[in-house]
Amino acid sequence: MKKLGVAVIGTGFWGKNHARIYKELAATELIAVCDINPERATRVASQFSAKPYTDTAKMFRNNRIDAVSICTWSTELAKEARKALKMKKHVLVEKPMATNTIQAKKLIEIAKENSVLLSVGFLMRFIPGLKRIKKAVEQKKIGDMVCANAKRVSQWPERIGDVGVVKDTAIHDIDVIKYITDEDPIGVYAKTGNMKHKKFEDYAQIMLTYKDGKSAFIESNWLTPYKTRKLVITGSEAIIKLDYITQEVWIEKQKRTVKPEYKFKEPLKLELQHFADCILKKEKPIISGFDGLKALKIAEGALKSSIKNKLIKLNW
């Protein structure tokens, strides 16, 4: 099978990981990397035997490139994705996909017009334990779902710069809960604030409400002295828990607790393999541009709720 020619835009910590994995995958050939910092672009390109660029417009003219990962600053994601899609390149754009839902909708339109794939980097969906949780909820192995609790807290990240904790961090859990429930919330209520950051919120508590009465709670911050990434789903007959860091899952029932064993797998490698497979085999991706748009709409609703101090109804 023909290898997929790929490029990476943005060669910071996360972009460098994309480049590494594309180099490791049998289905892909890393053609180029691009960064506004020429020294960094050259260094990463040299490490992974790719061609360095500082201008994406010039890089997109390389006909060997079929698809790109976009790992720039959050406020630059939509601009670079738009360029790539218009050049008929398949795109995996990192979360939050765009600065706002208007930009996100435009990306979806451009991808459709040019018949190319648009996916969003919601990495959590590729953790094996999360797939187990989704299946357990769907098959009612924990009874009826009552609520979800997500906690994603840690110290201040070095890369913080252009968005707050809701669009940078909590948006992962917004998507995870959408993935598990396969439902859109009807309302969002949130409290956010900034203790250390002058411009953006560095903590948030978000509540999502649903038609059937279940709810979800998301806690996210850049203040806690140690890193925690956990999900708890409460059902009428059992509770199921996931530690994203260790990938461990616990199923707690009335008389016993079960801990299924999973072989640890690198989620990013699974995500990029899936992205390549969808293009090469013309398959539907697990995560579409619409998933990114919906998560962004909920995130915007949370920020609006905090400002107005009221529940924001979500119309779909």
C-alpha atoms as a PDB file:
ATOM      1  CA  MET A   1       0.000   0.000   0.000  1.00  0.00           C
ATOM      2  CA  LYS A   2       1.162   3.530  -0.834  1.00  0.00           C
ATOM      3  CA  LYS A   3       2.476   5.460   2.126  1.00  0.00           C
ATOM      4  CA  LEU A   4       0.707   8.662   3.132  1.00  0.00           C
ATOM      5  CA  GLY A   5       2.915  11.717   2.724  1.00  0.00           C
ATOM      6  CA  VAL A   6       2.540  13.887   5.833  1.00  0.00           C
ATOM      7  CA  ALA A   7       3.802  17.147   7.284  1.00  0.00           C
ATOM      8  CA  VAL A   8       3.645  18.765  10.716  1.00  0.00           C
ATOM      9  CA  ILE A   9       2.998  22.464  11.305  1.00  0.00           C
ATOM     10  CA  GLY A  10       4.342  23.687  14.633  1.00  0.00           C
ATOM     11  CA  THR A  11       7.366  21.878  16.054  1.00  0.00           C
ATOM     12  CA  GLY A  12       7.025  22.631  19.741  1.00  0.00           C
ATOM     13  CA  PHE A  13       6.656  19.851  22.302  1.00  0.00           C
ATOM     14  CA  TRP A  14       3.466  18.392  20.835  1.00  0.00           C
ATOM     15  CA  GLY A  15       4.316  18.933  17.181  1.00  0.00           C
ATOM     16  CA  LYS A  16       7.626  17.173  17.719  1.00  0.00           C
ATOM     17  CA  ASN A  17       5.713  14.169  19.044  1.00  0.00           C
ATOM     18  CA  HIS A  18       3.551  14.132  15.905  1.00  0.00           C
ATOM     19  CA  ALA A  19       6.709  14.155  13.773  1.00  0.00           C
ATOM     20  CA  ARG A  20       8.240  11.320  15.776  1.00  0.00           C
ATOM     21  CA  ILE A  21       5.212   9.092  15.411  1.00  0.00           C
ATOM     22  CA  TYR A  22       4.735   9.775  11.712  1.00  0.00           C
ATOM     23  CA  LYS A  23       8.347   8.696  11.315  1.00  0.00           C
ATOM     24  CA  GLU A  24       7.637   5.476  13.242  1.00  0.00           C
ATOM     25  CA  LEU A  25       4.395   4.460  11.503  1.00  0.00           C
ATOM     26  CA  ALA A  26       4.609   2.074   8.564  1.00  0.00           C
ATOM     27  CA  ALA A  27       1.662   3.777   6.850  1.00  0.00           C
ATOM     28  CA  THR A  28       3.159   7.279   6.753  1.00  0.00           C
ATOM     29  CA  GLU A  29       6.182   9.079   5.348  1.00  0.00           C
ATOM     30  CA  LEU A  30       7.176  12.300   7.086  1.00  0.00           C
ATOM     31  CA  ILE A  31       7.925  14.697   4.245  1.00  0.00           C
ATOM     32  CA  ALA A  32       8.251  18.055   5.980  1.00  0.00           C
ATOM     33  CA  VAL A  33       7.913  20.103   9.137  1.00  0.00           C
ATOM     34  CA  CYS A  34       7.170  23.822   9.400  1.00  0.00           C
ATOM     35  CA  ASP A  35       7.741  26.351  12.163  1.00  0.00           C
ATOM     36  CA  ILE A  36       8.083  30.134  12.276  1.00  0.00           C
ATOM     37  CA  ASN A  37      11.287  29.545  14.243  1.00  0.00           C
ATOM     38  CA  PRO A  38      13.808  28.465  11.553  1.00  0.00           C
ATOM     39  CA  GLU A  39      16.272  26.974  14.040  1.00  0.00           C
ATOM     40  CA  ARG A  40      13.601  24.766  15.597  1.00  0.00           C
ATOM     41  CA  ALA A  41      12.224  23.728  12.198  1.00  0.00           C
ATOM     42  CA  THR A  42      15.709  22.764  11.034  1.00  0.00           C
ATOM     43  CA  ARG A  43      16.507  20.894  14.241  1.00  0.00           C
ATOM     44  CA  VAL A  44      13.320  18.805  14.198  1.00  0.00           C
ATOM     45  CA  ALA A  45      13.543  18.206  10.442  1.00  0.00           C
ATOM     46  CA  SER A  46      17.094  16.968  10.840  1.00  0.00           C
ATOM     47  CA  GLN A  47      16.135  14.679  13.717  1.00  0.00           C
ATOM     48  CA  PHE A  48      13.403  12.983  11.681  1.00  0.00           C
ATOM     49  CA  SER A  49      14.902  13.218   8.174  1.00  0.00           C
ATOM     50  CA  ALA A  50      12.327  15.674   6.837  1.00  0.00           C
ATOM     51  CA  LYS A  51      12.509  18.962   4.938  1.00  0.00           C
ATOM     52  CA  PRO A  52      12.240  22.140   7.043  1.00  0.00           C
ATOM     53  CA  TYR A  53      10.004  25.064   6.130  1.00  0.00           C
ATOM     54  CA  THR A  54       9.129  28.374   7.759  1.00  0.00           C
ATOM     55  CA  ASP A  55       6.354  29.233   5.284  1.00  0.00           C
ATOM     56  CA  THR A  56       3.311  26.936   5.143  1.00  0.00           C
ATOM     57  CA  ALA A  57       2.127  28.358   1.812  1.00  0.00           C
ATOM     58  CA  LYS A  58       5.408  27.269   0.247  1.00  0.00           C
ATOM     59  CA  MET A  59       5.280  23.888   1.986  1.00  0.00           C
ATOM     60  CA  PHE A  60       1.740  23.174   0.749  1.00  0.00           C
ATOM     61  CA  ARG A  61       2.985  23.392  -2.836  1.00  0.00           C
ATOM     62  CA  ASN A  62       4.947  20.198  -2.218  1.00  0.00           C
ATOM     63  CA  ASN A  63       2.847  17.593  -4.058  1.00  0.00           C
ATOM     64  CA  ARG A  64       4.280  14.761  -1.972  1.00  0.00           C
ATOM     65  CA  ILE A  65       2.329  16.027   1.041  1.00  0.00           C
ATOM     66  CA  ASP A  66      -1.123  14.454   1.288  1.00  0.00           C
ATOM     67  CA  ALA A  67      -2.001  15.346   4.883  1.00  0.00           C
ATOM     68  CA  VAL A  68      -0.892  17.607   7.728  1.00  0.00           C
ATOM     69  CA  SER A  69      -1.012  17.758  11.502  1.00  0.00           C
ATOM     70  CA  ILE A  70      -1.485  21.295  12.779  1.00  0.00           C
ATOM     71  CA  CYS A  71       0.046  21.827  16.218  1.00  0.00           C
ATOM     72  CA  THR A  72       0.439  25.601  16.415  1.00  0.00           C
ATOM     73  CA  TRP A  73      -0.758  28.010  19.085  1.00  0.00           C
ATOM     74  CA  SER A  74      -4.524  27.708  19.569  1.00  0.00           C
ATOM     75  CA  THR A  75      -5.311  31.069  17.984  1.00  0.00           C
ATOM     76  CA  GLU A  76      -3.367  30.090  14.842  1.00  0.00           C
ATOM     77  CA  LEU A  77      -4.957  26.668  14.335  1.00  0.00           C
ATOM     78  CA  ALA A  78      -7.894  27.748  12.169  1.00  0.00           C
ATOM     79  CA  LYS A  79      -5.758  29.980   9.945  1.00  0.00           C
ATOM     80  CA  GLU A  80      -3.314  27.177   9.139  1.00  0.00           C
ATOM     81  CA  ALA A  81      -6.084  24.590   8.779  1.00  0.00           C
ATOM     82  CA  ARG A  82      -7.900  26.834   6.324  1.00  0.00           C
ATOM     83  CA  LYS A  83      -4.770  27.154   4.177  1.00  0.00           C
ATOM     84  CA  ALA A  84      -4.182  23.401   4.179  1.00  0.00           C
ATOM     85  CA  LEU A  85      -7.781  22.495   3.342  1.00  0.00           C
ATOM     86  CA  LYS A  86      -7.859  24.955   0.446  1.00  0.00           C
ATOM     87  CA  MET A  87      -4.733  23.250  -0.917  1.00  0.00           C
ATOM     88  CA  LYS A  88      -6.665  19.951  -0.732  1.00  0.00           C
ATOM     89  CA  LYS A  89      -4.598  18.513   2.119  1.00  0.00           C
ATOM     90  CA  HIS A  90      -6.245  16.239   4.671  1.00  0.00           C
ATOM     91  CA  VAL A  91      -6.053  17.870   8.105  1.00  0.00           C
ATOM     92  CA  LEU A  92      -5.733  16.765  11.706  1.00  0.00           C
ATOM     93  CA  VAL A  93      -5.984  19.993  13.678  1.00  0.00           C
ATOM     94  CA  GLU A  94      -5.236  19.994  17.378  1.00  0.00           C
ATOM     95  CA  LYS A  95      -7.879  21.094  19.869  1.00  0.00           C
ATOM     96  CA  PRO A  96      -9.576  23.504  20.312  1.00  0.00           C
ATOM     97  CA  MET A  97      -9.668  23.500  16.471  1.00  0.00           C
ATOM     98  CA  ALA A  98     -10.373  27.237  16.200  1.00  0.00           C
ATOM     99  CA  THR A  99     -10.720  30.403  18.244  1.00  0.00           C
ATOM    100  CA  ASN A 100     -14.509  30.326  17.940  1.00  0.00           C
ATOM    101  CA  THR A 101     -17.396  28.376  16.408  1.00  0.00           C
ATOM    102  CA  ILE A 102     -17.618  30.713  13.416  1.00  0.00           C
ATOM    103  CA  GLN A 103     -14.093  29.733  12.383  1.00  0.00           C
ATOM    104  CA  ALA A 104     -14.814  26.051  13.099  1.00  0.00           C
ATOM    105  CA  LYS A 105     -17.912  26.049  10.872  1.00  0.00           C
ATOM    106  CA  LYS A 106     -15.896  27.603   8.051  1.00  0.00           C
ATOM    107  CA  LEU A 107     -13.264  24.864   8.287  1.00  0.00           C
ATOM    108  CA  ILE A 108     -15.974  22.204   7.969  1.00  0.00           C
ATOM    109  CA  GLU A 109     -17.362  23.964   4.883  1.00  0.00           C
ATOM    110  CA  ILE A 110     -13.938  24.224   3.225  1.00  0.00           C
ATOM    111  CA  ALA A 111     -13.159  20.553   3.915  1.00  0.00           C
ATOM    112  CA  LYS A 112     -16.447  19.536   2.304  1.00  0.00           C
ATOM    113  CA  GLU A 113     -15.900  21.801  -0.703  1.00  0.00           C
ATOM    114  CA  ASN A 114     -12.472  20.274  -1.326  1.00  0.00           C
ATOM    115  CA  SER A 115     -13.444  16.658  -0.517  1.00  0.00           C
ATOM    116  CA  VAL A 116     -10.754  16.242   2.122  1.00  0.00           C
ATOM    117  CA  LEU A 117     -10.822  14.802   5.632  1.00  0.00           C
ATOM    118  CA  LEU A 118     -10.933  17.113   8.646  1.00  0.00           C
ATOM    119  CA  SER A 119     -10.356  15.633  12.098  1.00  0.00           C
ATOM    120  CA  VAL A 120      -9.668  17.167  15.514  1.00  0.00           C
ATOM    121  CA  GLY A 121      -7.034  16.077  18.025  1.00  0.00           C
ATOM    122  CA  PHE A 122      -9.128  14.786  20.898  1.00  0.00           C
ATOM    123  CA  LEU A 123      -6.509  12.367  22.141  1.00  0.00           C
ATOM    124  CA  MET A 124      -8.458  10.918  25.074  1.00  0.00           C
ATOM    125  CA  ARG A 125     -10.779   8.964  22.777  1.00  0.00           C
ATOM    126  CA  PHE A 126      -7.892   6.682  21.847  1.00  0.00           C
ATOM    127  CA  ILE A 127      -7.154   5.492  25.390  1.00  0.00           C
ATOM    128  CA  PRO A 128      -8.242   1.814  25.543  1.00  0.00           C
ATOM    129  CA  GLY A 129      -9.920   2.208  28.932  1.00  0.00           C
ATOM    130  CA  LEU A 130     -12.158   4.995  27.688  1.00  0.00           C
ATOM    131  CA  LYS A 131     -13.440   2.749  24.916  1.00  0.00           C
ATOM    132  CA  ARG A 132     -14.270   0.197  27.636  1.00  0.00           C
ATOM    133  CA  ILE A 133     -16.223   2.837  29.542  1.00  0.00           C
ATOM    134  CA  LYS A 134     -18.181   3.887  26.459  1.00  0.00           C
ATOM    135  CA  LYS A 135     -19.112   0.261  25.786  1.00  0.00           C
ATOM    136  CA  ALA A 136     -20.147  -0.257  29.425  1.00  0.00           C
ATOM    137  CA  VAL A 137     -22.426   2.788  29.288  1.00  0.00           C
ATOM    138  CA  GLU A 138     -23.939   1.778  25.933  1.00  0.00           C
ATOM    139  CA  GLN A 139     -24.616  -1.782  27.077  1.00  0.00           C
ATOM    140  CA  LYS A 140     -25.861  -0.595  30.495  1.00  0.00           C
ATOM    141  CA  LYS A 141     -23.303  -2.732  32.312  1.00  0.00           C
ATOM    142  CA  ILE A 142     -23.355  -0.087  35.055  1.00  0.00           C
ATOM    143  CA  GLY A 143     -27.133   0.329  34.835  1.00  0.00           C
ATOM    144  CA  ASP A 144     -28.475   3.699  33.765  1.00  0.00           C
ATOM    145  CA  MET A 145     -25.896   6.472  33.725  1.00  0.00           C
ATOM    146  CA  VAL A 146     -26.556   9.023  36.472  1.00  0.00           C
ATOM    147  CA  CYS A 147     -23.632  11.417  36.166  1.00  0.00           C
ATOM    148  CA  ALA A 148     -20.046  11.874  35.034  1.00  0.00           C
ATOM    149  CA  ASN A 149     -17.243  13.563  36.966  1.00  0.00           C
ATOM    150  CA  ALA A 150     -14.043  14.623  35.225  1.00  0.00           C
ATOM    151  CA  LYS A 151     -11.007  16.083  36.968  1.00  0.00           C
ATOM    152  CA  ARG A 152      -8.101  17.499  34.958  1.00  0.00           C
ATOM    153  CA  VAL A 153      -5.858  19.618  37.164  1.00  0.00           C
ATOM    154  CA  SER A 154      -2.149  20.398  37.318  1.00  0.00           C
ATOM    155  CA  GLN A 155       0.369  23.163  37.821  1.00  0.00           C
ATOM    156  CA  TRP A 156       0.827  26.019  35.410  1.00  0.00           C
ATOM    157  CA  PRO A 157       1.885  24.759  31.957  1.00  0.00           C
ATOM    158  CA  GLU A 158       4.909  26.405  30.382  1.00  0.00           C
ATOM    159  CA  ARG A 159       3.228  26.686  27.007  1.00  0.00           C
ATOM    160  CA  ILE A 160       0.233  28.730  28.209  1.00  0.00           C
ATOM    161  CA  GLY A 161      -0.228  31.793  26.089  1.00  0.00           C
ATOM    162  CA  ASP A 162      -3.315  32.362  23.974  1.00  0.00           C
ATOM    163  CA  VAL A 163      -6.325  30.572  25.534  1.00  0.00           C
ATOM    164  CA  GLY A 164      -7.530  29.788  29.024  1.00  0.00           C
ATOM    165  CA  VAL A 165      -8.057  26.507  30.801  1.00  0.00           C
ATOM    166  CA  VAL A 166     -11.561  25.916  29.363  1.00  0.00           C
ATOM    167  CA  LYS A 167     -10.515  25.760  25.697  1.00  0.00           C
ATOM    168  CA  ASP A 168      -7.087  24.309  26.389  1.00  0.00           C
ATOM    169  CA  THR A 169      -7.828  21.642  29.005  1.00  0.00           C
ATOM    170  CA  ALA A 170     -11.498  21.237  29.934  1.00  0.00           C
ATOM    171  CA  ILE A 171     -12.409  20.888  26.270  1.00  0.00           C
ATOM    172  CA  HIS A 172     -10.903  17.372  26.387  1.00  0.00           C
ATOM    173  CA  ASP A 173     -13.464  16.334  28.990  1.00  0.00           C
ATOM    174  CA  ILE A 174     -16.277  18.136  27.203  1.00  0.00           C
ATOM    175  CA  ASP A 175     -15.555  15.926  24.203  1.00  0.00           C
ATOM    176  CA  VAL A 176     -15.065  12.774  26.292  1.00  0.00           C
ATOM    177  CA  ILE A 177     -18.494  13.121  27.890  1.00  0.00           C
ATOM    178  CA  LYS A 178     -20.071  13.762  24.486  1.00  0.00           C
ATOM    179  CA  TYR A 179     -18.320  10.618  23.214  1.00  0.00           C
ATOM    180  CA  ILE A 180     -19.493   8.453  26.120  1.00  0.00           C
ATOM    181  CA  THR A 181     -23.098   9.637  26.204  1.00  0.00           C
ATOM    182  CA  ASP A 182     -23.488  10.155  22.444  1.00  0.00           C
ATOM    183  CA  GLU A 183     -25.749  13.060  23.422  1.00  0.00           C
ATOM    184  CA  ASP A 184     -25.587  16.833  23.258  1.00  0.00           C
ATOM    185  CA  PRO A 185     -26.159  18.632  26.574  1.00  0.00           C
ATOM    186  CA  ILE A 186     -29.102  21.002  26.738  1.00  0.00           C
ATOM    187  CA  GLY A 187     -27.482  23.427  29.157  1.00  0.00           C
ATOM    188  CA  VAL A 188     -24.183  24.482  30.702  1.00  0.00           C
ATOM    189  CA  TYR A 189     -23.448  26.323  33.946  1.00  0.00           C
ATOM    190  CA  ALA A 190     -19.898  27.282  34.882  1.00  0.00           C
ATOM    191  CA  LYS A 191     -17.720  29.197  37.298  1.00  0.00           C
ATOM    192  CA  THR A 192     -14.321  30.316  36.067  1.00  0.00           C
ATOM    193  CA  GLY A 193     -11.690  32.713  37.332  1.00  0.00           C
ATOM    194  CA  ASN A 194      -8.034  33.660  37.270  1.00  0.00           C
ATOM    195  CA  MET A 195      -5.858  33.453  40.345  1.00  0.00           C
ATOM    196  CA  LYS A 196      -2.420  33.620  38.708  1.00  0.00           C
ATOM    197  CA  HIS A 197      -3.024  34.398  35.031  1.00  0.00           C
ATOM    198  CA  LYS A 198      -3.776  38.023  34.230  1.00  0.00           C
ATOM    199  CA  LYS A 199      -5.558  37.528  30.913  1.00  0.00           C
ATOM    200  CA  PHE A 200      -7.194  34.080  30.830  1.00  0.00           C
ATOM    201  CA  GLU A 201      -9.072  31.893  33.289  1.00  0.00           C
ATOM    202  CA  ASP A 202      -6.875  29.364  35.085  1.00  0.00           C
ATOM    203  CA  TYR A 203      -9.635  27.426  36.867  1.00  0.00           C
ATOM    204  CA  ALA A 204     -13.114  26.261  35.895  1.00  0.00           C
ATOM    205  CA  GLN A 205     -15.953  24.195  37.273  1.00  0.00           C
ATOM    206  CA  ILE A 206     -18.455  23.238  34.586  1.00  0.00           C
ATOM    207  CA  MET A 207     -21.808  21.489  34.869  1.00  0.00           C
ATOM    208  CA  LEU A 208     -23.588  19.998  31.849  1.00  0.00           C
ATOM    209  CA  THR A 209     -27.260  19.048  31.928  1.00  0.00           C
ATOM    210  CA  TYR A 210     -29.168  16.585  29.729  1.00  0.00           C
ATOM    211  CA  LYS A 211     -32.780  15.970  28.725  1.00  0.00           C
ATOM    212  CA  ASP A 212     -33.129  12.722  30.669  1.00  0.00           C
ATOM    213  CA  GLY A 213     -31.877  14.246  33.920  1.00  0.00           C
ATOM    214  CA  LYS A 214     -28.297  13.001  34.003  1.00  0.00           C
ATOM    215  CA  SER A 215     -25.497  15.498  34.448  1.00  0.00           C
ATOM    216  CA  ALA A 216     -21.757  15.910  34.125  1.00  0.00           C
ATOM    217  CA  PHE A 217     -19.259  17.880  36.220  1.00  0.00           C
ATOM    218  CA  ILE A 218     -15.873  19.012  34.930  1.00  0.00           C
ATOM    219  CA  GLU A 219     -13.143  20.443  37.164  1.00  0.00           C
ATOM    220  CA  SER A 220     -10.112  21.892  35.458  1.00  0.00           C
ATOM    221  CA  ASN A 221      -7.290  24.157  36.610  1.00  0.00           C
ATOM    222  CA  TRP A 222      -3.640  25.162  36.332  1.00  0.00           C
ATOM    223  CA  LEU A 223      -3.260  25.650  40.097  1.00  0.00           C
ATOM    224  CA  THR A 224      -3.068  22.207  41.723  1.00  0.00           C
ATOM    225  CA  PRO A 225       0.476  21.191  42.771  1.00  0.00           C
ATOM    226  CA  TYR A 226       0.273  17.730  41.211  1.00  0.00           C
ATOM    227  CA  LYS A 227      -1.165  16.388  37.979  1.00  0.00           C
ATOM    228  CA  THR A 228      -4.499  14.552  38.089  1.00  0.00           C
ATOM    229  CA  ARG A 229      -6.414  13.227  35.068  1.00  0.00           C
ATOM    230  CA  LYS A 230      -9.431  11.159  36.121  1.00  0.00           C
ATOM    231  CA  LEU A 231     -12.939  10.249  34.985  1.00  0.00           C
ATOM    232  CA  VAL A 232     -15.712   8.723  37.117  1.00  0.00           C
ATOM    233  CA  ILE A 233     -18.997   7.524  35.630  1.00  0.00           C
ATOM    234  CA  THR A 234     -21.746   6.768  38.157  1.00  0.00           C
ATOM    235  CA  GLY A 235     -24.469   4.363  37.118  1.00  0.00           C
ATOM    236  CA  SER A 236     -27.539   3.007  38.876  1.00  0.00           C
ATOM    237  CA  GLU A 237     -25.799  -0.358  39.415  1.00  0.00           C
ATOM    238  CA  ALA A 238     -22.061   0.385  39.391  1.00  0.00           C
ATOM    239  CA  ILE A 239     -19.348   3.025  39.230  1.00  0.00           C
ATOM    240  CA  ILE A 240     -16.588   2.918  36.634  1.00  0.00           C
ATOM    241  CA  LYS A 241     -13.349   4.915  36.984  1.00  0.00           C
ATOM    242  CA  LEU A 242     -10.459   5.738  34.676  1.00  0.00           C
ATOM    243  CA  ASP A 243      -7.033   7.190  35.431  1.00  0.00           C
ATOM    244  CA  TYR A 244      -5.889   8.725  32.143  1.00  0.00           C
ATOM    245  CA  ILE A 245      -2.260   8.834  33.218  1.00  0.00           C
ATOM    246  CA  THR A 246      -1.879   5.148  34.113  1.00  0.00           C
ATOM    247  CA  GLN A 247      -4.755   4.020  31.818  1.00  0.00           C
ATOM    248  CA  GLU A 248      -6.107   1.914  34.720  1.00  0.00           C
ATOM    249  CA  VAL A 249      -9.845   1.196  34.946  1.00  0.00           C
ATOM    250  CA  TRP A 250     -11.869   0.143  37.999  1.00  0.00           C
ATOM    251  CA  ILE A 251     -15.455  -1.145  37.976  1.00  0.00           C
ATOM    252  CA  GLU A 252     -17.013  -0.904  41.439  1.00  0.00           C
ATOM    253  CA  LYS A 253     -20.152  -2.940  42.163  1.00  0.00           C
ATOM    254  CA  GLN A 254     -21.987  -3.593  45.407  1.00  0.00           C
ATOM    255  CA  LYS A 255     -20.022  -6.707  46.369  1.00  0.00           C
ATOM    256  CA  ARG A 256     -16.758  -6.440  44.475  1.00  0.00           C
ATOM    257  CA  THR A 257     -14.401  -4.210  42.516  1.00  0.00           C
ATOM    258  CA  VAL A 258     -12.994  -5.402  39.197  1.00  0.00           C
ATOM    259  CA  LYS A 259      -9.842  -4.026  37.590  1.00  0.00           C
ATOM    260  CA  PRO A 260      -9.581  -5.097  33.926  1.00  0.00           C
ATOM    261  CA  GLU A 261      -6.021  -5.400  32.665  1.00  0.00           C
ATOM    262  CA  TYR A 262      -4.985  -3.358  29.636  1.00  0.00           C
ATOM    263  CA  LYS A 263      -1.667  -3.182  27.863  1.00  0.00           C
ATOM    264  CA  PHE A 264      -0.514   0.445  27.961  1.00  0.00           C
ATOM    265  CA  LYS A 265      -0.713   2.034  24.505  1.00  0.00           C
ATOM    266  CA  GLU A 266       0.434   5.458  23.364  1.00  0.00           C
ATOM    267  CA  PRO A 267      -2.792   7.327  22.503  1.00  0.00           C
ATOM    268  CA  LEU A 268      -1.118   9.677  20.013  1.00  0.00           C
ATOM    269  CA  LYS A 269       0.234   6.752  18.018  1.00  0.00           C
ATOM    270  CA  LEU A 270      -3.248   5.205  17.885  1.00  0.00           C
ATOM    271  CA  GLU A 271      -4.728   8.558  16.857  1.00  0.00           C
ATOM    272  CA  LEU A 272      -2.276   9.206  14.030  1.00  0.00           C
ATOM    273  CA  GLN A 273      -2.512   5.610  12.799  1.00  0.00           C
ATOM    274  CA  HIS A 274      -6.296   6.022  12.667  1.00  0.00           C
ATOM    275  CA  PHE A 275      -5.949   9.351  10.813  1.00  0.00           C
ATOM    276  CA  ALA A 276      -3.695   7.743   8.200  1.00  0.00           C
ATOM    277  CA  ASP A 277      -5.914   4.666   7.848  1.00  0.00           C
ATOM    278  CA  CYS A 278      -9.022   6.776   7.284  1.00  0.00           C
ATOM    279  CA  ILE A 279      -7.344   8.600   4.414  1.00  0.00           C
ATOM    280  CA  LEU A 280      -5.699   5.574   2.802  1.00  0.00           C
ATOM    281  CA  LYS A 281      -8.731   3.310   3.174  1.00  0.00           C
ATOM    282  CA  LYS A 282     -11.348   6.059   2.699  1.00  0.00           C
ATOM    283  CA  GLU A 283     -12.970   5.325   6.054  1.00  0.00           C
ATOM    284  CA  LYS A 284     -14.997   7.579   8.336  1.00  0.00           C
ATOM    285  CA  PRO A 285     -12.912   9.044  11.199  1.00  0.00           C
ATOM    286  CA  ILE A 286     -13.859   8.538  14.842  1.00  0.00           C
ATOM    287  CA  ILE A 287     -13.571  12.305  15.332  1.00  0.00           C
ATOM    288  CA  SER A 288     -14.963  14.710  12.745  1.00  0.00           C
ATOM    289  CA  GLY A 289     -14.898  18.458  12.363  1.00  0.00           C
ATOM    290  CA  PHE A 290     -18.432  18.501  13.757  1.00  0.00           C
ATOM    291  CA  ASP A 291     -17.147  16.940  17.007  1.00  0.00           C
ATOM    292  CA  GLY A 292     -14.673  19.782  17.307  1.00  0.00           C
ATOM    293  CA  LEU A 293     -17.386  22.337  16.569  1.00  0.00           C
ATOM    294  CA  LYS A 294     -19.718  20.922  19.232  1.00  0.00           C
ATOM    295  CA  ALA A 295     -17.016  20.846  21.906  1.00  0.00           C
ATOM    296  CA  LEU A 296     -16.086  24.416  21.091  1.00  0.00           C
ATOM    297  CA  LYS A 297     -19.734  25.518  21.297  1.00  0.00           C
ATOM    298  CA  ILE A 298     -20.041  23.995  24.769  1.00  0.00           C
ATOM    299  CA  ALA A 299     -16.764  25.622  25.854  1.00  0.00           C
ATOM    300  CA  GLU A 300     -18.014  28.997  24.644  1.00  0.00           C
ATOM    301  CA  GLY A 301     -21.250  28.379  26.540  1.00  0.00           C
ATOM    302  CA  ALA A 302     -19.290  27.690  29.723  1.00  0.00           C
ATOM    303  CA  LEU A 303     -17.342  30.934  29.439  1.00  0.00           C
ATOM    304  CA  LYS A 304     -20.545  32.866  28.730  1.00  0.00           C
ATOM    305  CA  SER A 305     -22.249  31.222  31.709  1.00  0.00           C
ATOM    306  CA  SER A 306     -19.464  32.315  34.030  1.00  0.00           C
ATOM    307  CA  ILE A 307     -19.635  35.909  32.811  1.00  0.00           C
ATOM    308  CA  LYS A 308     -23.431  36.085  33.078  1.00  0.00           C
ATOM    309  CA  ASN A 309     -23.627  33.902  36.210  1.00  0.00           C
ATOM    310  CA  LYS A 310     -26.506  31.853  34.816  1.00  0.00           C
ATOM    311  CA  LEU A 311     -27.303  28.627  33.018  1.00  0.00           C
ATOM    312  CA  ILE A 312     -26.788  28.871  29.268  1.00  0.00           C
ATOM    313  CA  LYS A 313     -29.211  26.873  27.149  1.00  0.00           C
ATOM    314  CA  LEU A 314     -27.601  25.092  24.208  1.00  0.00           C
ATOM    315  CA  ASN A 315     -29.553  24.912  20.968  1.00  0.00           C
ATOM    316  CA  TRP A 316     -28.530  22.265  18.476  1.00  0.00           C
END
